[in-house]
Protein backbone atom coordinates (compact mmCIF):
# COMPACT_ATOMS: atom_id res chain seq x y z
CA UNK A 1 -91.60 -146.03 -65.97
CA UNK A 2 -93.88 -146.20 -62.94
CA UNK A 3 -94.78 -142.54 -63.35
CA UNK A 4 -96.70 -143.53 -66.48
CA UNK A 5 -99.12 -145.49 -64.31
CA UNK A 6 -100.09 -142.20 -62.66
CA UNK A 7 -99.74 -139.69 -65.49
CA UNK A 8 -101.55 -141.64 -68.21
CA UNK A 9 -104.81 -142.23 -66.28
CA UNK A 10 -104.68 -138.66 -64.98
CA UNK A 11 -104.33 -137.32 -68.51
CA UNK A 12 -107.22 -139.48 -69.70
CA UNK A 13 -109.43 -138.28 -66.85
CA UNK A 14 -108.59 -134.63 -67.56
CA UNK A 15 -109.24 -135.08 -71.28
CA UNK A 16 -112.56 -136.77 -70.57
CA UNK A 17 -113.52 -133.92 -68.22
CA UNK A 18 -112.65 -131.34 -70.88
CA UNK A 19 -114.74 -133.18 -73.49
CA UNK A 20 -117.65 -133.48 -71.07
CA UNK A 21 -117.49 -129.73 -70.27
CA UNK A 22 -117.38 -128.87 -73.98
CA UNK A 23 -120.34 -131.15 -74.74
CA UNK A 24 -122.32 -129.69 -71.84
CA UNK A 25 -121.71 -126.13 -73.06
CA UNK A 26 -122.58 -127.17 -76.59
CA UNK A 27 -125.91 -128.68 -75.48
CA UNK A 28 -126.79 -125.61 -73.41
CA UNK A 29 -126.35 -123.31 -76.41
CA UNK A 30 -123.27 -121.44 -75.23
CA UNK A 31 -121.84 -121.33 -78.75
CA UNK A 32 -125.01 -120.38 -80.66
CA UNK A 33 -124.35 -116.64 -81.08
CA UNK A 34 -120.68 -115.73 -81.36
CA UNK A 35 -121.11 -112.36 -83.14
CA UNK A 36 -123.45 -110.36 -80.90
CA UNK A 37 -121.58 -110.28 -77.55
CA UNK A 38 -118.50 -108.41 -78.86
CA UNK A 39 -120.70 -105.88 -80.66
CA UNK A 40 -122.95 -105.41 -77.63
CA UNK A 41 -120.08 -103.76 -75.76
CA UNK A 42 -119.94 -101.02 -78.40
CA UNK A 43 -123.61 -100.04 -78.12
CA UNK A 44 -124.39 -97.24 -75.73
CA UNK A 45 -127.42 -97.93 -73.58
């Protein structure tokens, strides 16, 4: 039962960090263009 006092806050901190990282990437425009990067590899420069 005492392990819950460690695991639960740790899980909440990790979840909050993941949400913060997702929000930061979303605000920076990382997910704006999802179609061009895979096709760019096929074009010969």
